[in-house]
Amino acid sequence: MLEIRPICENCGKSLPNNSTEAMICTFECTYCRDCVENILFNVCPNCGGGLEKRPSRPMALLTKYPPKTDELLKPIEAEKFAEFLGKYKEVPPNER
């Protein structure tokens, strides 16, 4: 089951369950659309995978299966990420 993490790991933007800005990789690393498009260029800085729109949990199930509340903030280090990004940016996510 998805954790529904509450913030962008890079910039700290709030990403509640119903956010249309939340994007995740296959390991649920969570970023806002702005960071994915303008900083990460669809490359997860943790695994190298692509990022997709995170689905929302149905409102009727939020009480039984609440989103995570602890915040994971790990802003990328631009210099370290540049080399990683260079390796994957031009490779389609399904071919990485």
N, C-alpha and C. Protein backbone atom coordinates (compact mmCIF):
# COMPACT_ATOMS: atom_id res chain seq x y z
N MET A 1 0.84 -1.17 0.00
CA MET A 1 0.00 0.00 0.00
C MET A 1 0.89 1.24 0.00
N LEU A 2 0.51 2.24 -0.80
CA LEU A 2 1.27 3.48 -0.86
C LEU A 2 1.29 4.19 0.49
N GLU A 3 2.43 4.79 0.80
CA GLU A 3 2.56 5.53 2.05
C GLU A 3 1.88 6.90 2.00
N ILE A 4 1.74 7.48 0.83
CA ILE A 4 1.21 8.83 0.65
C ILE A 4 2.02 9.79 1.52
N ARG A 5 3.28 9.98 1.15
CA ARG A 5 4.17 10.86 1.90
C ARG A 5 3.71 12.31 1.78
N PRO A 6 3.87 13.10 2.86
CA PRO A 6 3.22 14.41 2.94
C PRO A 6 3.92 15.60 2.29
N ILE A 7 5.21 15.46 1.93
CA ILE A 7 5.91 16.61 1.35
C ILE A 7 6.85 16.17 0.23
N CYS A 8 7.27 17.15 -0.56
CA CYS A 8 8.30 16.92 -1.59
C CYS A 8 9.62 16.72 -0.87
N GLU A 9 10.32 15.65 -1.20
CA GLU A 9 11.60 15.35 -0.56
C GLU A 9 12.66 16.40 -0.87
N ASN A 10 12.51 17.11 -1.97
CA ASN A 10 13.52 18.09 -2.36
C ASN A 10 13.25 19.48 -1.78
N CYS A 11 12.05 20.01 -1.98
CA CYS A 11 11.79 21.40 -1.59
C CYS A 11 10.89 21.55 -0.37
N GLY A 12 10.25 20.47 0.08
CA GLY A 12 9.40 20.53 1.26
C GLY A 12 7.97 20.98 1.00
N LYS A 13 7.59 21.15 -0.26
CA LYS A 13 6.22 21.56 -0.58
C LYS A 13 5.23 20.53 -0.04
N SER A 14 4.14 21.02 0.52
CA SER A 14 3.09 20.15 1.03
C SER A 14 2.43 19.37 -0.10
N LEU A 15 2.31 18.06 0.07
CA LEU A 15 1.68 17.19 -0.93
C LEU A 15 0.67 16.28 -0.24
N PRO A 16 -0.48 16.83 0.15
CA PRO A 16 -1.49 16.02 0.82
C PRO A 16 -2.05 14.94 -0.12
N ASN A 17 -2.82 14.05 0.43
CA ASN A 17 -3.39 12.95 -0.34
C ASN A 17 -4.02 13.39 -1.65
N ASN A 18 -4.75 14.49 -1.64
CA ASN A 18 -5.48 14.92 -2.84
C ASN A 18 -4.67 15.82 -3.77
N SER A 19 -3.38 15.94 -3.55
CA SER A 19 -2.54 16.81 -4.38
C SER A 19 -2.42 16.27 -5.80
N THR A 20 -2.56 17.16 -6.76
CA THR A 20 -2.34 16.78 -8.16
C THR A 20 -0.90 17.05 -8.55
N GLU A 21 -0.10 17.54 -7.62
CA GLU A 21 1.31 17.88 -7.86
C GLU A 21 2.26 16.75 -7.45
N ALA A 22 1.78 15.76 -6.71
CA ALA A 22 2.65 14.70 -6.17
C ALA A 22 3.07 13.72 -7.26
N MET A 23 4.37 13.42 -7.29
CA MET A 23 4.93 12.46 -8.23
C MET A 23 5.78 11.48 -7.43
N ILE A 24 5.76 10.19 -7.82
CA ILE A 24 6.53 9.17 -7.11
C ILE A 24 7.29 8.27 -8.08
N CYS A 25 8.36 7.66 -7.55
CA CYS A 25 9.06 6.62 -8.31
C CYS A 25 8.56 5.27 -7.81
N THR A 26 9.11 4.20 -8.32
CA THR A 26 8.66 2.87 -7.94
C THR A 26 8.93 2.55 -6.47
N PHE A 27 9.85 3.28 -5.82
CA PHE A 27 10.13 3.08 -4.40
C PHE A 27 9.41 4.10 -3.52
N GLU A 28 8.51 4.87 -4.12
CA GLU A 28 7.69 5.88 -3.46
C GLU A 28 8.46 7.14 -3.04
N CYS A 29 9.65 7.35 -3.59
CA CYS A 29 10.30 8.64 -3.37
C CYS A 29 9.30 9.66 -3.90
N THR A 30 9.09 10.74 -3.18
CA THR A 30 7.99 11.66 -3.48
C THR A 30 8.51 13.07 -3.73
N TYR A 31 8.09 13.64 -4.86
CA TYR A 31 8.52 14.99 -5.25
C TYR A 31 7.33 15.74 -5.84
N CYS A 32 7.41 17.06 -5.81
CA CYS A 32 6.37 17.87 -6.46
C CYS A 32 6.66 17.94 -7.96
N ARG A 33 5.64 18.22 -8.71
CA ARG A 33 5.75 18.29 -10.17
C ARG A 33 6.81 19.32 -10.61
N ASP A 34 6.87 20.46 -9.92
CA ASP A 34 7.83 21.49 -10.27
C ASP A 34 9.27 20.98 -10.15
N CYS A 35 9.59 20.30 -9.06
CA CYS A 35 10.94 19.75 -8.89
C CYS A 35 11.23 18.68 -9.94
N VAL A 36 10.24 17.81 -10.21
CA VAL A 36 10.43 16.73 -11.19
C VAL A 36 10.72 17.31 -12.57
N GLU A 37 9.98 18.33 -12.96
CA GLU A 37 10.13 18.88 -14.31
C GLU A 37 11.31 19.84 -14.46
N ASN A 38 11.64 20.61 -13.42
CA ASN A 38 12.63 21.68 -13.58
C ASN A 38 13.97 21.44 -12.91
N ILE A 39 14.04 20.46 -12.02
CA ILE A 39 15.30 20.18 -11.32
C ILE A 39 15.76 18.75 -11.55
N LEU A 40 14.83 17.81 -11.42
CA LEU A 40 15.17 16.38 -11.53
C LEU A 40 15.08 15.85 -12.96
N PHE A 41 14.34 16.54 -13.81
CA PHE A 41 14.16 16.14 -15.21
C PHE A 41 13.72 14.68 -15.32
N ASN A 42 12.77 14.31 -14.46
CA ASN A 42 12.17 12.97 -14.42
C ASN A 42 13.18 11.87 -14.10
N VAL A 43 14.20 12.20 -13.31
CA VAL A 43 15.16 11.21 -12.85
C VAL A 43 15.14 11.23 -11.32
N CYS A 44 14.72 10.13 -10.70
CA CYS A 44 14.72 10.06 -9.25
C CYS A 44 16.17 10.10 -8.77
N PRO A 45 16.53 11.03 -7.88
CA PRO A 45 17.90 11.13 -7.43
C PRO A 45 18.33 9.99 -6.51
N ASN A 46 17.39 9.17 -6.08
CA ASN A 46 17.72 8.05 -5.20
C ASN A 46 17.95 6.75 -5.97
N CYS A 47 17.11 6.48 -6.98
CA CYS A 47 17.20 5.20 -7.69
C CYS A 47 17.46 5.33 -9.18
N GLY A 48 17.27 6.52 -9.74
CA GLY A 48 17.47 6.71 -11.17
C GLY A 48 16.24 6.41 -12.01
N GLY A 49 15.17 5.98 -11.37
CA GLY A 49 13.94 5.67 -12.10
C GLY A 49 13.17 6.93 -12.49
N GLY A 50 12.12 6.74 -13.25
CA GLY A 50 11.25 7.84 -13.63
C GLY A 50 10.23 8.10 -12.55
N LEU A 51 9.55 9.23 -12.66
CA LEU A 51 8.54 9.61 -11.68
C LEU A 51 7.20 9.79 -12.38
N GLU A 52 6.15 9.31 -11.72
CA GLU A 52 4.79 9.33 -12.25
C GLU A 52 3.86 10.01 -11.26
N LYS A 53 2.69 10.45 -11.73
CA LYS A 53 1.70 11.06 -10.85
C LYS A 53 1.30 10.06 -9.77
N ARG A 54 1.31 10.52 -8.53
CA ARG A 54 0.90 9.66 -7.42
C ARG A 54 -0.63 9.62 -7.37
N PRO A 55 -1.22 8.43 -7.27
CA PRO A 55 -2.67 8.36 -7.14
C PRO A 55 -3.11 8.84 -5.76
N SER A 56 -4.36 9.24 -5.65
CA SER A 56 -4.94 9.64 -4.38
C SER A 56 -5.66 8.46 -3.76
N ARG A 57 -5.63 8.39 -2.45
CA ARG A 57 -6.38 7.35 -1.75
C ARG A 57 -7.83 7.82 -1.65
N PRO A 58 -8.80 6.94 -1.90
CA PRO A 58 -10.20 7.33 -1.78
C PRO A 58 -10.50 7.90 -0.40
N MET A 59 -11.27 8.97 -0.35
CA MET A 59 -11.58 9.66 0.89
C MET A 59 -12.19 8.70 1.93
N ALA A 60 -13.01 7.77 1.49
CA ALA A 60 -13.67 6.84 2.40
C ALA A 60 -12.68 5.92 3.12
N LEU A 61 -11.45 5.79 2.59
CA LEU A 61 -10.46 4.89 3.20
C LEU A 61 -9.37 5.61 3.98
N LEU A 62 -9.43 6.94 4.03
CA LEU A 62 -8.37 7.70 4.71
C LEU A 62 -8.32 7.44 6.21
N THR A 63 -9.44 7.20 6.84
CA THR A 63 -9.43 6.92 8.27
C THR A 63 -8.82 5.55 8.55
N LYS A 64 -9.20 4.58 7.76
CA LYS A 64 -8.67 3.22 7.94
C LYS A 64 -7.21 3.12 7.52
N TYR A 65 -6.84 3.82 6.45
CA TYR A 65 -5.48 3.78 5.92
C TYR A 65 -4.96 5.21 5.76
N PRO A 66 -4.57 5.84 6.85
CA PRO A 66 -4.15 7.25 6.78
C PRO A 66 -2.81 7.43 6.06
N PRO A 67 -2.62 8.59 5.44
CA PRO A 67 -1.33 8.90 4.84
C PRO A 67 -0.26 9.01 5.93
N LYS A 68 1.00 8.90 5.52
CA LYS A 68 2.10 9.10 6.46
C LYS A 68 2.08 10.53 6.97
N THR A 69 2.59 10.74 8.15
CA THR A 69 2.66 12.09 8.69
C THR A 69 4.10 12.56 8.88
N ASP A 70 5.04 11.62 9.02
CA ASP A 70 6.43 12.04 9.19
C ASP A 70 6.99 12.51 7.85
N GLU A 71 7.72 13.61 7.92
CA GLU A 71 8.22 14.27 6.71
C GLU A 71 9.66 13.84 6.41
N LEU A 72 9.91 13.51 5.16
CA LEU A 72 11.24 13.14 4.71
C LEU A 72 11.73 14.25 3.78
N LEU A 73 12.66 15.04 4.25
CA LEU A 73 13.20 16.14 3.45
C LEU A 73 14.68 15.88 3.21
N LYS A 74 15.04 15.65 1.94
CA LYS A 74 16.42 15.37 1.55
C LYS A 74 16.74 16.18 0.29
N PRO A 75 16.93 17.49 0.41
CA PRO A 75 17.23 18.29 -0.79
C PRO A 75 18.44 17.72 -1.53
N ILE A 76 18.33 17.71 -2.85
CA ILE A 76 19.44 17.16 -3.63
C ILE A 76 20.65 18.09 -3.56
N GLU A 77 21.82 17.50 -3.66
CA GLU A 77 23.05 18.27 -3.75
C GLU A 77 23.34 18.39 -5.24
N ALA A 78 23.22 19.59 -5.78
CA ALA A 78 23.29 19.83 -7.22
C ALA A 78 24.53 19.23 -7.87
N GLU A 79 25.69 19.39 -7.25
CA GLU A 79 26.93 18.88 -7.86
C GLU A 79 26.93 17.35 -7.95
N LYS A 80 26.50 16.69 -6.88
CA LYS A 80 26.44 15.23 -6.89
C LYS A 80 25.40 14.73 -7.88
N PHE A 81 24.24 15.40 -7.91
CA PHE A 81 23.16 14.98 -8.78
C PHE A 81 23.48 15.20 -10.25
N ALA A 82 24.28 16.18 -10.58
CA ALA A 82 24.61 16.49 -11.99
C ALA A 82 25.18 15.28 -12.71
N GLU A 83 26.10 14.58 -12.09
CA GLU A 83 26.69 13.40 -12.72
C GLU A 83 25.66 12.29 -12.88
N PHE A 84 24.88 12.06 -11.85
CA PHE A 84 23.81 11.05 -11.87
C PHE A 84 22.79 11.38 -12.95
N LEU A 85 22.39 12.65 -13.01
CA LEU A 85 21.44 13.11 -14.01
C LEU A 85 21.97 12.90 -15.42
N GLY A 86 23.25 13.22 -15.63
CA GLY A 86 23.86 13.05 -16.95
C GLY A 86 23.80 11.61 -17.43
N LYS A 87 23.86 10.69 -16.50
CA LYS A 87 23.84 9.26 -16.84
C LYS A 87 22.45 8.81 -17.31
N TYR A 88 21.38 9.41 -16.77
CA TYR A 88 20.03 8.92 -17.02
C TYR A 88 19.09 9.86 -17.77
N LYS A 89 19.39 11.14 -17.84
CA LYS A 89 18.45 12.13 -18.38
C LYS A 89 17.94 11.80 -19.77
N GLU A 90 18.79 11.33 -20.64
CA GLU A 90 18.41 11.07 -22.03
C GLU A 90 17.92 9.64 -22.26
N VAL A 91 17.87 8.84 -21.21
CA VAL A 91 17.42 7.44 -21.33
C VAL A 91 15.98 7.35 -20.84
N PRO A 92 15.07 6.84 -21.66
CA PRO A 92 13.68 6.70 -21.20
C PRO A 92 13.61 5.89 -19.91
N PRO A 93 12.72 6.26 -18.99
CA PRO A 93 12.64 5.56 -17.70
C PRO A 93 12.54 4.04 -17.80
N ASN A 94 11.79 3.54 -18.78
CA ASN A 94 11.64 2.08 -18.90
C ASN A 94 12.87 1.38 -19.47
N GLU A 95 13.90 2.16 -19.82
CA GLU A 95 15.14 1.58 -20.34
C GLU A 95 16.33 1.83 -19.42
N ARG A 96 16.10 2.42 -18.27
CA ARG A 96 17.19 2.70 -17.34
C ARG A 96 17.60 1.49 -16.57
